């Protein structure tokens, strides 16, 4: 059977798919939006960090320029440089380098000759051509690649103020390295990795030395580039240290780990995926519960319809609930079904009453025949009583015949009235087991030879019924069973000829079963057994079963007969715990 053939499955699948699509779209939207925002934020922060690095470098350059200018204006230094004597100038070079914390300090004379050097790398330094111009009054800042990193050089003139032009005594040049240590300082300020390079080489960086080769490829990039280092993905921004430098001019690289930044998003994504799975499971459970709230009442109604179709019990009702999750449409359908069964039961009862009245008209000739026979016997007997030579014995027999026929007439009239008129019931709470015992005792009164077995359910609850009417119906049925057994002439094998059994059916009804091992009913007679005055027994009136059926159905029950010729008959009575019209 296809999964979509059930209304429950269709509602469940539709709700689940809707939840999956909604949650999936929400997860995709949130994830994509978060990724885009994270990428944009990473790029913004990288650009801002690059500007911060530039500002820091410019600030350091300005600081060293001011310090160099102050030192160049010292009279002591001017006097020493004016002597052009290296031994005189060298001590001052060492002293002033220590004071301004420069990595390199150079002092040159009027003709560009080197008068003093200080710093480990000062002697190996090749001065740029701009610093050899002895007549220049410009303050010069430039960069030069170095094995320790990038060397930033600041040079100011040493001059004496004279008219009409200043007298340039020489130049003071200081330098500081943009090396690994400086890069670490910038990293602490900006929380970004820093690298300095020139050409196709990385000269200094916060990145480990064995991973620097990958950075060389992005030194010439004009926009934010992506580079993978040590299993992590970085965004790199290259900015030249000199605004109008050559292609091989030093460059500062600002790097931000994209992998590290997105790791937080990965954690959030994992949490979202877990929440998505949990929500989907919850949505699945809620969808199934929602589907069940719609289909459960339909299932109850369907089962009730099947019970009615199988048993014909129109007293079967669908219970109505008024919970917060109960479907109003299903309640309306259940109420309509209950109203329908009540209407059908009422129409059936009215039709049965009309049929009974119609049967009276159709069988008036039968009734006349049934009454005429006793009357003819009584008339003939009265003629005998008028004889003068009548013996006492004959007189007693004639009187007995008149009494028997009078009793028969009275029984016929009583049964006709019971069958024709609507039965009035006097309901009371009664024990079905006790009624069965009393009925069996009445049906087998004076017949000690017949064997009847009572299999009564001791746990059977008491029901609301008319005990006298029910007893009368049971006596009629059990009497028929006794007659059927007697006609079968059963051998005495110790087994009961008739079995009376009671039990509950789990649906608020009580079942009474009378089974005999008599002659059974011929198949051609089964359709007529409830017709009034239909009987196969010479002394019978044919009203016992019709009256019993009227009594049982009048109390909201059902009477069913099954029989096999030569095997026996079973009559099954289904009684409600409380008749439909009884509400107390």
Protein backbone atom coordinates (compact mmCIF):
# COMPACT_ATOMS: atom_id res chain seq x y z
CA UNK A 1 0.00 0.00 0.00
CA UNK A 2 1.48 3.39 -0.95
CA UNK A 3 2.59 5.62 1.92
CA UNK A 4 0.33 8.41 0.66
CA UNK A 5 -2.82 6.25 0.68
CA UNK A 6 -3.46 7.08 4.35
CA UNK A 7 -4.76 10.49 5.39
CA UNK A 8 -2.53 10.30 8.48
CA UNK A 9 0.54 9.71 6.32
CA UNK A 10 -0.39 12.48 3.88
CA UNK A 11 -0.84 15.04 6.65
CA UNK A 12 2.30 13.80 8.40
CA UNK A 13 4.41 13.88 5.22
CA UNK A 14 3.08 17.31 4.20
CA UNK A 15 3.76 18.84 7.63
CA UNK A 16 7.19 17.22 7.85
CA UNK A 17 8.20 18.39 4.36
CA UNK A 18 6.96 21.88 5.11
CA UNK A 19 8.96 21.93 8.34
CA UNK A 20 12.06 20.59 6.57
CA UNK A 21 11.82 23.14 3.76
CA UNK A 22 11.20 26.02 6.16
CA UNK A 23 13.98 25.04 8.53
CA UNK A 24 16.34 24.22 5.66
CA UNK A 25 15.72 27.61 4.05
CA UNK A 26 16.16 29.37 7.39
CA UNK A 27 19.41 27.47 8.05
CA UNK A 28 20.70 28.24 4.54
CA UNK A 29 19.74 31.91 4.83
CA UNK A 30 21.28 32.34 8.29
CA UNK A 31 24.41 30.43 7.32
CA UNK A 32 24.88 32.33 4.03
CA UNK A 33 24.18 35.66 5.69
CA UNK A 34 26.58 34.92 8.53
CA UNK A 35 29.29 33.80 6.09
CA UNK A 36 28.87 36.91 3.96
CA UNK A 37 28.89 39.17 6.98
CA UNK A 38 31.95 37.41 8.37
CA UNK A 39 33.78 37.76 5.04
CA UNK A 40 32.86 41.43 4.77
CA UNK A 41 33.87 42.06 8.37
CA UNK A 42 37.16 40.25 7.82
CA UNK A 43 37.94 42.40 4.81
CA UNK A 44 36.95 45.60 6.59
CA UNK A 45 39.08 44.73 9.58
CA UNK A 46 41.99 43.87 7.28
CA UNK A 47 41.81 47.26 5.56
CA UNK A 48 41.48 49.03 8.90
CA UNK A 49 44.47 47.09 10.22
CA UNK A 50 46.50 48.13 7.16
CA UNK A 51 45.69 51.76 7.85
CA UNK A 52 46.62 51.28 11.49
CA UNK A 53 49.98 49.77 10.46
CA UNK A 54 50.63 52.75 8.21
CA UNK A 55 49.72 55.16 10.98
CA UNK A 56 52.01 53.37 13.40
CA UNK A 57 54.89 53.34 10.93
CA UNK A 58 54.39 57.00 10.13
CA UNK A 59 54.29 57.76 13.84
CA UNK A 60 57.59 55.93 14.37
CA UNK A 61 59.11 57.78 11.39
CA UNK A 62 58.00 61.15 12.77
CA UNK A 63 59.43 60.28 16.18
CA UNK A 64 62.85 59.36 14.78
CA UNK A 65 62.81 62.43 12.51
CA UNK A 66 62.21 64.74 15.46
CA UNK A 67 64.87 63.00 17.53
CA UNK A 68 67.35 63.21 14.65
CA UNK A 69 66.59 66.91 14.21
CA UNK A 70 67.15 67.57 17.91
CA UNK A 71 70.47 65.74 17.90
CA UNK A 72 71.60 67.51 14.71
CA UNK A 73 70.98 70.88 16.39
CA UNK A 74 73.20 70.09 19.39
CA UNK A 75 76.23 72.50 19.45
CA UNK A 76 78.46 69.73 20.69
CA UNK A 77 77.70 67.58 17.65
CA UNK A 78 78.09 70.54 15.24
CA UNK A 79 81.49 71.40 16.72
CA UNK A 80 82.71 67.80 16.41
CA UNK A 81 81.46 67.39 12.83
CA UNK A 82 83.02 70.73 11.85
CA UNK A 83 86.44 69.35 12.83
CA UNK A 84 85.98 66.55 10.25
CA UNK A 85 87.99 64.37 12.65
CA UNK A 86 86.58 60.80 12.87
CA UNK A 87 88.13 60.03 16.30
CA UNK A 88 86.42 63.14 17.65
CA UNK A 89 83.05 62.35 16.07
CA UNK A 90 82.87 58.56 16.77
CA UNK A 91 82.21 58.77 20.54
CA UNK A 92 79.32 61.14 19.89
CA UNK A 93 77.85 58.71 17.31
CA UNK A 94 77.82 55.90 19.88
CA UNK A 95 76.40 58.16 22.57
CA UNK A 96 73.56 59.61 20.54
CA UNK A 97 72.52 56.27 19.02
CA UNK A 98 72.02 54.88 22.50
CA UNK A 99 70.02 57.93 23.52
CA UNK A 100 67.55 57.83 20.64
CA UNK A 101 67.41 53.98 20.58
CA UNK A 102 68.24 53.76 16.88
CA UNK A 103 69.57 50.60 15.26
CA UNK A 104 72.09 52.52 13.10
CA UNK A 105 73.57 56.03 13.27
CA UNK A 106 75.86 57.61 10.63
CA UNK A 107 77.63 61.00 10.64
CA UNK A 108 79.04 62.37 7.39
CA UNK A 109 81.09 65.53 6.71
CA UNK A 110 80.94 68.34 4.18
CA UNK A 111 82.23 66.23 1.33
CA UNK A 112 80.11 63.20 2.27
CA UNK A 113 82.98 61.45 3.97
CA UNK A 114 82.04 59.08 6.79
CA UNK A 115 83.04 60.60 10.15
CA UNK A 116 81.31 58.21 12.59
CA UNK A 117 79.20 55.04 12.61
CA UNK A 118 77.32 53.28 15.35
CA UNK A 119 75.36 50.03 15.23
CA UNK A 120 76.19 46.45 14.34
CA UNK A 121 75.21 46.80 10.70
CA UNK A 122 76.35 50.41 10.17
CA UNK A 123 79.65 49.65 8.44
CA UNK A 124 78.01 47.33 5.91
CA UNK A 125 75.29 49.81 5.04
CA UNK A 126 75.29 51.25 1.54
CA UNK A 127 73.94 54.79 1.63
CA UNK A 128 71.33 55.77 -0.94
CA UNK A 129 72.42 58.35 -3.46
CA UNK A 130 70.11 60.97 -1.96
CA UNK A 131 72.07 60.85 1.30
CA UNK A 132 75.37 61.66 -0.40
CA UNK A 133 74.24 65.11 -1.54
CA UNK A 134 76.28 67.27 0.80
CA UNK A 135 74.56 70.52 -0.07
CA UNK A 136 70.96 69.29 0.42
CA UNK A 137 68.96 70.84 3.24
CA UNK A 138 66.13 68.28 2.85
CA UNK A 139 65.05 65.87 5.51
CA UNK A 140 65.00 62.50 3.81
CA UNK A 141 63.14 59.29 4.76
CA UNK A 142 63.61 56.15 2.70
CA UNK A 143 63.64 52.37 2.92
CA UNK A 144 66.18 49.78 2.01
CA UNK A 145 66.03 45.95 1.99
CA UNK A 146 68.23 44.33 4.59
CA UNK A 147 69.01 40.83 5.78
CA UNK A 148 67.34 41.63 9.13
CA UNK A 149 64.24 43.04 7.47
CA UNK A 150 63.50 46.43 5.97
CA UNK A 151 65.70 49.31 7.12
CA UNK A 152 63.95 52.65 7.37
CA UNK A 153 66.47 55.51 7.13
CA UNK A 154 65.90 59.10 8.28
CA UNK A 155 68.51 61.73 7.38
CA UNK A 156 68.66 65.41 8.44
CA UNK A 157 71.31 68.06 7.67
CA UNK A 158 73.76 69.33 10.29
CA UNK A 159 73.98 73.07 9.61
CA UNK A 160 75.02 76.39 10.98
CA UNK A 161 72.64 79.29 10.49
CA UNK A 162 74.60 81.95 8.53
CA UNK A 163 73.71 84.69 6.10
CA UNK A 164 72.75 84.55 3.35
CA UNK A 165 72.57 80.69 3.32
CA UNK A 166 72.96 78.07 6.03
CA UNK A 167 76.34 76.39 6.17
CA UNK A 168 75.86 72.58 5.83
CA UNK A 169 78.47 70.83 7.95
CA UNK A 170 77.30 67.29 7.11
CA UNK A 171 74.36 64.91 7.69
CA UNK A 172 73.02 62.86 10.58
CA UNK A 173 71.46 59.60 9.40
CA UNK A 174 69.62 57.23 11.69
CA UNK A 175 67.97 53.92 10.79
CA UNK A 176 65.71 51.41 12.44
CA UNK A 177 64.84 47.94 11.30
CA UNK A 178 61.33 46.78 10.40
CA UNK A 179 62.27 43.25 11.50
CA UNK A 180 60.58 40.28 13.18
CA UNK A 181 60.59 42.04 16.55
CA UNK A 182 58.95 45.16 15.12
CA UNK A 183 56.39 42.97 13.32
CA UNK A 184 55.52 41.28 16.65
CA UNK A 185 54.96 44.69 18.23
CA UNK A 186 52.60 45.65 15.43
CA UNK A 187 50.81 42.29 15.78
CA UNK A 188 50.17 42.93 19.48
CA UNK A 189 48.65 46.29 18.58
CA UNK A 190 46.52 45.10 15.67
CA UNK A 191 45.87 41.41 16.40
CA UNK A 192 47.01 40.68 12.85
CA UNK A 193 50.02 38.95 11.39
CA UNK A 194 52.54 41.32 9.74
CA UNK A 195 55.19 40.71 7.08
CA UNK A 196 57.74 42.98 5.39
CA UNK A 197 59.18 42.10 2.00
CA UNK A 198 60.72 43.43 -1.17
CA UNK A 199 60.86 42.02 -4.66
CA UNK A 200 59.95 38.37 -4.26
CA UNK A 201 61.38 37.85 -0.74
CA UNK A 202 59.86 38.09 2.72
CA UNK A 203 62.40 39.89 4.89
CA UNK A 204 60.60 39.87 8.26
CA UNK A 205 57.30 38.47 9.50
CA UNK A 206 55.33 37.13 12.43
CA UNK A 207 54.72 34.02 10.34
CA UNK A 208 57.17 31.14 10.98
CA UNK A 209 60.18 31.19 8.64
CA UNK A 210 59.30 27.84 6.99
CA UNK A 211 55.95 29.22 5.84
CA UNK A 212 57.10 32.55 4.43
CA UNK A 213 57.62 31.37 0.88
CA UNK A 214 53.86 31.27 0.32
CA UNK A 215 53.66 35.00 1.19
CA UNK A 216 56.06 36.03 -1.57
CA UNK A 217 53.40 35.38 -4.20
CA UNK A 218 51.12 38.11 -2.84
CA UNK A 219 53.74 40.87 -2.42
CA UNK A 220 52.72 42.43 -5.72
CA UNK A 221 48.94 42.04 -5.26
CA UNK A 222 46.94 45.23 -5.69
CA UNK A 223 43.88 43.97 -3.77
CA UNK A 224 43.11 41.61 -0.92
CA UNK A 225 44.50 38.21 -1.82
CA UNK A 226 44.03 34.72 -0.38
CA UNK A 227 46.99 32.61 0.68
CA UNK A 228 47.21 29.25 2.47
CA UNK A 229 49.84 28.90 5.19
CA UNK A 230 50.34 25.87 7.39
CA UNK A 231 46.89 24.45 6.64
CA UNK A 232 45.12 27.73 7.34
CA UNK A 233 43.70 30.20 4.89
CA UNK A 234 44.71 33.86 5.24
CA UNK A 235 43.57 37.09 3.66
CA UNK A 236 46.55 39.30 2.82
CA UNK A 237 46.66 43.03 2.00
CA UNK A 238 49.90 44.43 0.48
CA UNK A 239 50.68 48.12 0.96
CA UNK A 240 53.88 49.77 -0.33
CA UNK A 241 56.01 51.51 2.28
CA UNK A 242 56.87 54.25 -0.20
CA UNK A 243 53.95 55.93 -1.98
CA UNK A 244 55.70 56.10 -5.34
CA UNK A 245 58.21 53.33 -4.95
CA UNK A 246 59.51 51.05 -7.67
CA UNK A 247 58.24 47.54 -8.25
CA UNK A 248 60.97 46.19 -5.95
CA UNK A 249 60.31 48.73 -3.19
CA UNK A 250 59.60 47.28 0.28
CA UNK A 251 56.03 46.27 1.04
CA UNK A 252 54.18 45.64 4.29
CA UNK A 253 51.73 42.72 4.32
CA UNK A 254 48.80 42.65 6.74
CA UNK A 255 47.34 39.16 7.25
CA UNK A 256 44.20 37.91 8.94
CA UNK A 257 43.44 34.21 9.38
CA UNK A 258 40.24 33.45 7.53
CA UNK A 259 40.21 29.93 8.97
CA UNK A 260 40.41 31.19 12.55
CA UNK A 261 37.73 33.78 11.97
CA UNK A 262 35.41 31.26 10.37
CA UNK A 263 36.13 28.70 13.06
CA UNK A 264 33.70 30.56 15.28
CA UNK A 265 31.14 30.41 12.51
CA UNK A 266 31.81 26.69 12.20
CA UNK A 267 30.94 26.31 15.87
CA UNK A 268 27.77 28.29 15.33
CA UNK A 269 27.00 26.25 12.22
CA UNK A 270 27.46 23.03 14.16
CA UNK A 271 25.11 24.33 16.82
CA UNK A 272 22.61 25.35 14.16
CA UNK A 273 22.84 21.93 12.54
CA UNK A 274 22.19 20.27 15.89
CA UNK A 275 19.28 22.62 16.51
CA UNK A 276 18.04 21.90 12.99
CA UNK A 277 18.12 18.15 13.55
CA UNK A 278 16.42 18.50 16.95
CA UNK A 279 13.80 20.85 15.51
CA UNK A 280 13.17 18.50 12.61
CA UNK A 281 12.69 15.60 15.01
CA UNK A 282 10.38 17.73 17.13
CA UNK A 283 8.53 18.90 14.01
CA UNK A 284 8.20 15.28 12.89
CA UNK A 285 6.73 14.26 16.25
CA UNK A 286 4.40 17.28 16.34
CA UNK A 287 3.38 16.63 12.70
CA UNK A 288 2.52 13.03 13.51
CA UNK A 289 0.62 14.10 16.64
CA UNK A 290 -1.24 16.73 14.60
CA UNK A 291 -2.08 14.18 11.94
CA UNK A 292 -3.34 11.79 14.61
CA UNK A 293 -5.61 14.47 16.12
CA UNK A 294 -7.31 14.66 12.72
CA UNK A 295 -7.37 10.98 11.81
CA UNK A 296 -7.95 9.37 15.22
CA UNK A 297 -11.61 10.48 15.34
CA UNK A 298 -12.01 9.28 11.75
CA UNK A 299 -10.57 5.92 12.77
CA UNK A 300 -13.02 5.69 15.68
CA UNK A 301 -15.90 6.56 13.34
CA UNK A 302 -14.68 3.99 10.78
CA UNK A 303 -14.51 1.27 13.44
CA UNK A 304 -17.99 2.19 14.62
CA UNK A 305 -19.29 1.95 11.04
CA UNK A 306 -17.66 -1.47 10.65
CA UNK A 307 -19.22 -2.65 13.91
CA UNK A 308 -22.62 -1.44 12.79
CA UNK A 309 -22.13 -3.13 9.40
CA UNK A 310 -20.97 -6.38 11.03
CA UNK A 311 -23.46 -6.58 13.89
CA UNK A 312 -26.31 -4.31 12.81
CA UNK A 313 -26.16 -2.71 16.26
CA UNK A 314 -27.51 0.77 15.67
CA UNK A 315 -27.03 1.63 19.34
CA UNK A 316 -23.27 1.83 18.70
CA UNK A 317 -22.21 5.42 19.36
CA UNK A 318 -19.04 7.33 18.61
CA UNK A 319 -17.81 9.05 21.80
CA UNK A 320 -17.49 12.81 21.55
CA UNK A 321 -14.59 14.58 23.25
CA UNK A 322 -14.04 18.28 23.78
CA UNK A 323 -10.29 18.52 24.33
CA UNK A 324 -8.14 21.42 23.11
CA UNK A 325 -6.61 19.23 20.35
CA UNK A 326 -9.84 17.60 19.17
CA UNK A 327 -10.80 18.41 15.61
CA UNK A 328 -14.14 20.22 15.33
CA UNK A 329 -14.85 18.78 11.88
CA UNK A 330 -14.28 15.25 13.18
CA UNK A 331 -16.59 15.98 16.14
CA UNK A 332 -19.24 17.22 13.72
CA UNK A 333 -18.84 14.06 11.63
CA UNK A 334 -19.13 11.87 14.75
CA UNK A 335 -22.22 13.74 15.93
CA UNK A 336 -23.76 13.37 12.46
CA UNK A 337 -23.00 9.64 12.48
CA UNK A 338 -24.62 9.24 15.91
CA UNK A 339 -27.68 11.16 14.72
CA UNK A 340 -27.83 9.01 11.59
CA UNK A 341 -27.76 5.73 13.54
CA UNK A 342 -30.41 7.03 15.93
CA UNK A 343 -32.60 8.02 13.01
CA UNK A 344 -32.12 4.68 11.26
CA UNK A 345 -32.88 2.82 14.49
CA UNK A 346 -36.02 4.90 14.99
CA UNK A 347 -37.13 4.34 11.41
CA UNK A 348 -36.48 0.60 11.80
CA UNK A 349 -38.53 0.50 14.98
CA UNK A 350 -41.37 2.37 13.28
CA UNK A 351 -41.13 0.08 10.25
CA UNK A 352 -41.19 -2.96 12.51
CA UNK A 353 -44.30 -1.62 14.25
CA UNK A 354 -45.97 -1.02 10.89
CA UNK A 355 -44.96 -4.51 9.80
CA UNK A 356 -46.48 -5.98 12.93
CA UNK A 357 -49.75 -4.16 12.32
CA UNK A 358 -49.68 -5.18 8.69
CA UNK A 359 -49.03 -8.76 9.74
CA UNK A 360 -52.12 -8.65 11.92
CA UNK A 361 -54.23 -7.75 8.92
CA UNK A 362 -52.62 -10.33 6.68
CA UNK A 363 -53.01 -13.03 9.30
CA UNK A 364 -56.58 -12.32 10.35
CA UNK A 365 -57.66 -15.50 8.62
CA UNK A 366 -54.96 -17.43 10.48
CA UNK A 367 -56.16 -15.99 13.78
CA UNK A 368 -59.77 -16.80 12.91
CA UNK A 369 -58.73 -20.36 12.16
CA UNK A 370 -56.76 -20.64 15.39
CA UNK A 371 -59.77 -19.39 17.41
CA UNK A 372 -62.41 -21.35 15.45
CA UNK A 373 -60.80 -24.69 16.23
CA UNK A 374 -61.03 -24.29 20.05
CA UNK A 375 -64.53 -22.85 19.68
CA UNK A 376 -65.67 -25.84 17.61
CA UNK A 377 -64.21 -28.19 20.23
CA UNK A 378 -65.97 -26.28 23.01
CA UNK A 379 -69.28 -26.33 21.07
CA UNK A 380 -69.02 -30.07 20.45
CA UNK A 381 -68.18 -30.68 24.10
CA UNK A 382 -71.21 -28.63 25.24
CA UNK A 383 -73.39 -30.79 23.01
CA UNK A 384 -72.04 -33.82 24.80
CA UNK A 385 -72.77 -32.23 28.19
CA UNK A 386 -76.47 -31.83 27.24
CA UNK A 387 -76.89 -35.55 26.96
CA UNK A 388 -78.93 -37.05 29.81
CA UNK A 389 -77.13 -40.36 29.80
CA UNK A 390 -73.71 -38.80 30.29
CA UNK A 391 -71.57 -40.69 32.76
CA UNK A 392 -69.54 -38.87 35.46
CA UNK A 393 -66.28 -39.86 33.80
CA UNK A 394 -67.41 -38.49 30.45
CA UNK A 395 -68.59 -35.34 32.14
CA UNK A 396 -65.17 -34.79 33.76
CA UNK A 397 -63.41 -35.31 30.43
CA UNK A 398 -65.73 -32.85 28.68
CA UNK A 399 -65.16 -30.21 31.36
CA UNK A 400 -61.39 -30.73 31.11
CA UNK A 401 -61.53 -30.32 27.31
CA UNK A 402 -63.49 -27.08 27.69
CA UNK A 403 -60.94 -25.81 30.26
CA UNK A 404 -57.97 -26.71 28.01
CA UNK A 405 -59.46 -25.03 24.98
CA UNK A 406 -60.40 -21.96 27.04
CA UNK A 407 -56.79 -21.73 28.26
CA UNK A 408 -55.60 -22.09 24.66
CA UNK A 409 -57.93 -19.30 23.53
CA UNK A 410 -56.74 -17.06 26.35
CA UNK A 411 -53.08 -17.72 25.41
CA UNK A 412 -53.77 -16.96 21.76
CA UNK A 413 -55.48 -13.65 22.63
CA UNK A 414 -52.68 -12.70 25.05
CA UNK A 415 -49.95 -13.44 22.51
CA UNK A 416 -51.76 -11.54 19.77
CA UNK A 417 -52.12 -8.51 22.05
CA UNK A 418 -48.47 -8.72 23.10
CA UNK A 419 -47.36 -8.91 19.50
CA UNK A 420 -49.64 -6.14 18.23
CA UNK A 421 -49.32 -3.42 20.81
CA UNK A 422 -46.11 -1.45 21.65
CA UNK A 423 -44.47 -3.05 24.62
CA UNK A 424 -44.14 -0.95 27.79
CA UNK A 425 -40.96 -1.66 29.72
CA UNK A 426 -40.31 -1.29 33.43
CA UNK A 427 -36.53 -0.87 33.64
CA UNK A 428 -34.45 -1.70 36.68
CA UNK A 429 -30.88 -2.68 37.41
CA UNK A 430 -30.77 -6.46 37.20
CA UNK A 431 -28.44 -9.43 37.05
CA UNK A 432 -28.56 -11.23 33.69
CA UNK A 433 -27.21 -14.38 35.34
CA UNK A 434 -30.08 -14.46 37.84
CA UNK A 435 -32.62 -13.92 35.04
CA UNK A 436 -31.06 -16.78 33.05
CA UNK A 437 -31.27 -19.13 36.06
CA UNK A 438 -34.92 -18.24 36.66
CA UNK A 439 -35.76 -18.62 32.97
CA UNK A 440 -34.12 -22.04 32.75
CA UNK A 441 -35.99 -23.18 35.86
CA UNK A 442 -39.32 -22.05 34.36
CA UNK A 443 -38.64 -23.52 30.90
CA UNK A 444 -37.67 -26.95 32.30
CA UNK A 445 -40.24 -27.07 35.10
CA UNK A 446 -41.54 -30.65 35.44
CA UNK A 447 -38.97 -32.01 32.96
CA UNK A 448 -36.25 -33.58 35.06
CA UNK A 449 -34.92 -35.71 32.25
CA UNK A 450 -33.64 -32.83 30.09
CA UNK A 451 -30.14 -31.63 30.75
CA UNK A 452 -29.34 -27.92 30.60
CA UNK A 453 -25.88 -26.44 31.34
CA UNK A 454 -25.50 -22.89 32.66
CA UNK A 455 -22.13 -21.30 31.85
CA UNK A 456 -22.59 -17.89 33.43
CA UNK A 457 -19.83 -15.29 33.65
CA UNK A 458 -19.52 -14.42 37.34
CA UNK A 459 -17.76 -11.13 36.50
CA UNK A 460 -20.66 -9.95 34.35
CA UNK A 461 -21.83 -6.48 35.47
CA UNK A 462 -25.43 -5.71 36.29
CA UNK A 463 -27.38 -4.05 33.48
CA UNK A 464 -30.46 -1.84 33.23
CA UNK A 465 -33.30 -3.90 31.70
CA UNK A 466 -36.88 -5.04 32.23
CA UNK A 467 -36.26 -8.32 34.10
CA UNK A 468 -39.81 -9.71 33.63
CA UNK A 469 -39.89 -9.00 29.90
CA UNK A 470 -36.38 -10.40 29.44
CA UNK A 471 -37.36 -13.49 31.46
CA UNK A 472 -40.44 -13.99 29.25
CA UNK A 473 -38.33 -13.78 26.09
CA UNK A 474 -35.75 -16.20 27.46
CA UNK A 475 -38.44 -18.67 28.59
CA UNK A 476 -39.92 -18.67 25.06
CA UNK A 477 -36.50 -19.30 23.50
CA UNK A 478 -35.47 -21.97 26.04
CA UNK A 479 -38.86 -23.69 25.67
CA UNK A 480 -38.30 -23.90 21.91
CA UNK A 481 -34.82 -25.35 22.59
CA UNK A 482 -36.32 -27.95 24.96
CA UNK A 483 -38.92 -28.97 22.36
CA UNK A 484 -36.22 -29.21 19.65
CA UNK A 485 -34.09 -31.47 21.86
CA UNK A 486 -37.06 -33.67 22.71
CA UNK A 487 -37.88 -34.05 19.02
CA UNK A 488 -34.28 -35.11 18.28
CA UNK A 489 -34.43 -38.11 20.68
CA UNK A 490 -30.79 -37.66 21.70
CA UNK A 491 -28.86 -40.53 23.17
CA UNK A 492 -27.88 -40.05 26.81
CA UNK A 493 -24.08 -39.58 26.56
CA UNK A 494 -23.76 -37.33 29.59
CA UNK A 495 -23.46 -34.10 27.56
CA UNK A 496 -25.87 -31.24 28.11
CA UNK A 497 -28.58 -30.98 25.46
CA UNK A 498 -28.91 -27.22 25.95
CA UNK A 499 -26.20 -24.76 27.00
CA UNK A 500 -26.97 -21.26 28.27
CA UNK A 501 -23.92 -19.01 28.30
CA UNK A 502 -23.39 -15.34 29.29
CA UNK A 503 -20.39 -13.09 28.69
CA UNK A 504 -19.42 -9.47 28.07
CA UNK A 505 -18.21 -8.29 24.64
CA UNK A 506 -15.91 -5.51 25.92
CA UNK A 507 -18.03 -2.84 24.30
CA UNK A 508 -20.58 -2.22 27.05
CA UNK A 509 -22.87 -5.04 25.88
CA UNK A 510 -23.86 -8.40 27.39
CA UNK A 511 -24.18 -11.53 25.24
CA UNK A 512 -26.63 -14.34 26.13
CA UNK A 513 -26.30 -17.49 24.03
CA UNK A 514 -28.76 -20.44 24.04
CA UNK A 515 -27.38 -23.42 22.09
CA UNK A 516 -29.23 -26.73 21.70
CA UNK A 517 -28.42 -30.06 20.08
CA UNK A 518 -31.91 -30.48 18.71
CA UNK A 519 -33.25 -31.18 15.23
CA UNK A 520 -32.28 -27.77 13.90
CA UNK A 521 -34.15 -25.54 11.43
CA UNK A 522 -34.47 -26.35 7.75
CA UNK A 523 -32.72 -23.80 5.49
CA UNK A 524 -35.97 -23.00 3.67
CA UNK A 525 -37.62 -22.13 7.01
CA UNK A 526 -34.89 -19.76 8.31
CA UNK A 527 -36.35 -16.74 6.52
CA UNK A 528 -39.79 -17.27 8.14
CA UNK A 529 -38.93 -18.05 11.77
CA UNK A 530 -39.84 -14.54 12.93
CA UNK A 531 -43.11 -14.43 10.98
CA UNK A 532 -46.12 -14.49 13.33
CA UNK A 533 -47.94 -17.84 13.53
CA UNK A 534 -45.25 -19.64 11.59
CA UNK A 535 -44.54 -22.91 13.39
CA UNK A 536 -43.49 -26.45 12.54
CA UNK A 537 -44.84 -27.84 15.82
CA UNK A 538 -48.46 -28.95 15.93
CA UNK A 539 -49.13 -27.51 19.39
CA UNK A 540 -47.24 -24.28 18.75
CA UNK A 541 -48.77 -20.86 18.08
CA UNK A 542 -45.88 -19.41 16.06
CA UNK A 543 -45.69 -16.25 18.23
CA UNK A 544 -42.92 -17.20 20.70
CA UNK A 545 -39.93 -16.07 18.60
CA UNK A 546 -41.62 -12.93 17.15
CA UNK A 547 -42.62 -11.79 20.65
CA UNK A 548 -39.13 -12.51 22.00
CA UNK A 549 -37.59 -10.57 19.12
CA UNK A 550 -39.89 -7.60 19.81
CA UNK A 551 -38.93 -7.61 23.49
CA UNK A 552 -35.18 -7.80 22.83
CA UNK A 553 -35.19 -5.12 20.15
CA UNK A 554 -37.49 -2.94 22.25
CA UNK A 555 -34.79 -2.86 24.93
CA UNK A 556 -32.11 -1.83 22.38
CA UNK A 557 -30.73 -5.33 21.81
CA UNK A 558 -30.39 -7.71 18.91
CA UNK A 559 -31.47 -11.31 18.43
CA UNK A 560 -29.66 -13.51 15.88
CA UNK A 561 -30.27 -17.16 14.97
CA UNK A 562 -27.91 -19.69 13.42
CA UNK A 563 -28.93 -23.29 12.82
CA UNK A 564 -27.93 -26.45 10.98
CA UNK A 565 -30.37 -29.22 10.26
CA UNK A 566 -29.60 -32.28 12.39
CA UNK A 567 -26.89 -30.44 14.42
CA UNK A 568 -28.70 -27.86 16.47
CA UNK A 569 -29.56 -24.19 16.83
CA UNK A 570 -27.93 -21.24 18.58
CA UNK A 571 -29.81 -18.06 19.44
CA UNK A 572 -27.59 -15.14 20.36
CA UNK A 573 -28.96 -12.15 22.28
CA UNK A 574 -26.92 -8.91 22.42
CA UNK A 575 -28.12 -6.55 25.17
CA UNK A 576 -26.76 -3.05 25.88
CA UNK A 577 -25.64 -2.17 29.39
CA UNK A 578 -28.30 0.53 29.36
CA UNK A 579 -31.14 0.88 26.83
CA UNK A 580 -30.84 3.97 24.59
CA UNK A 581 -33.91 5.73 25.97
CA UNK A 582 -32.84 5.26 29.60
CA UNK A 583 -30.72 8.21 30.79
CA UNK A 584 -30.67 7.71 34.56
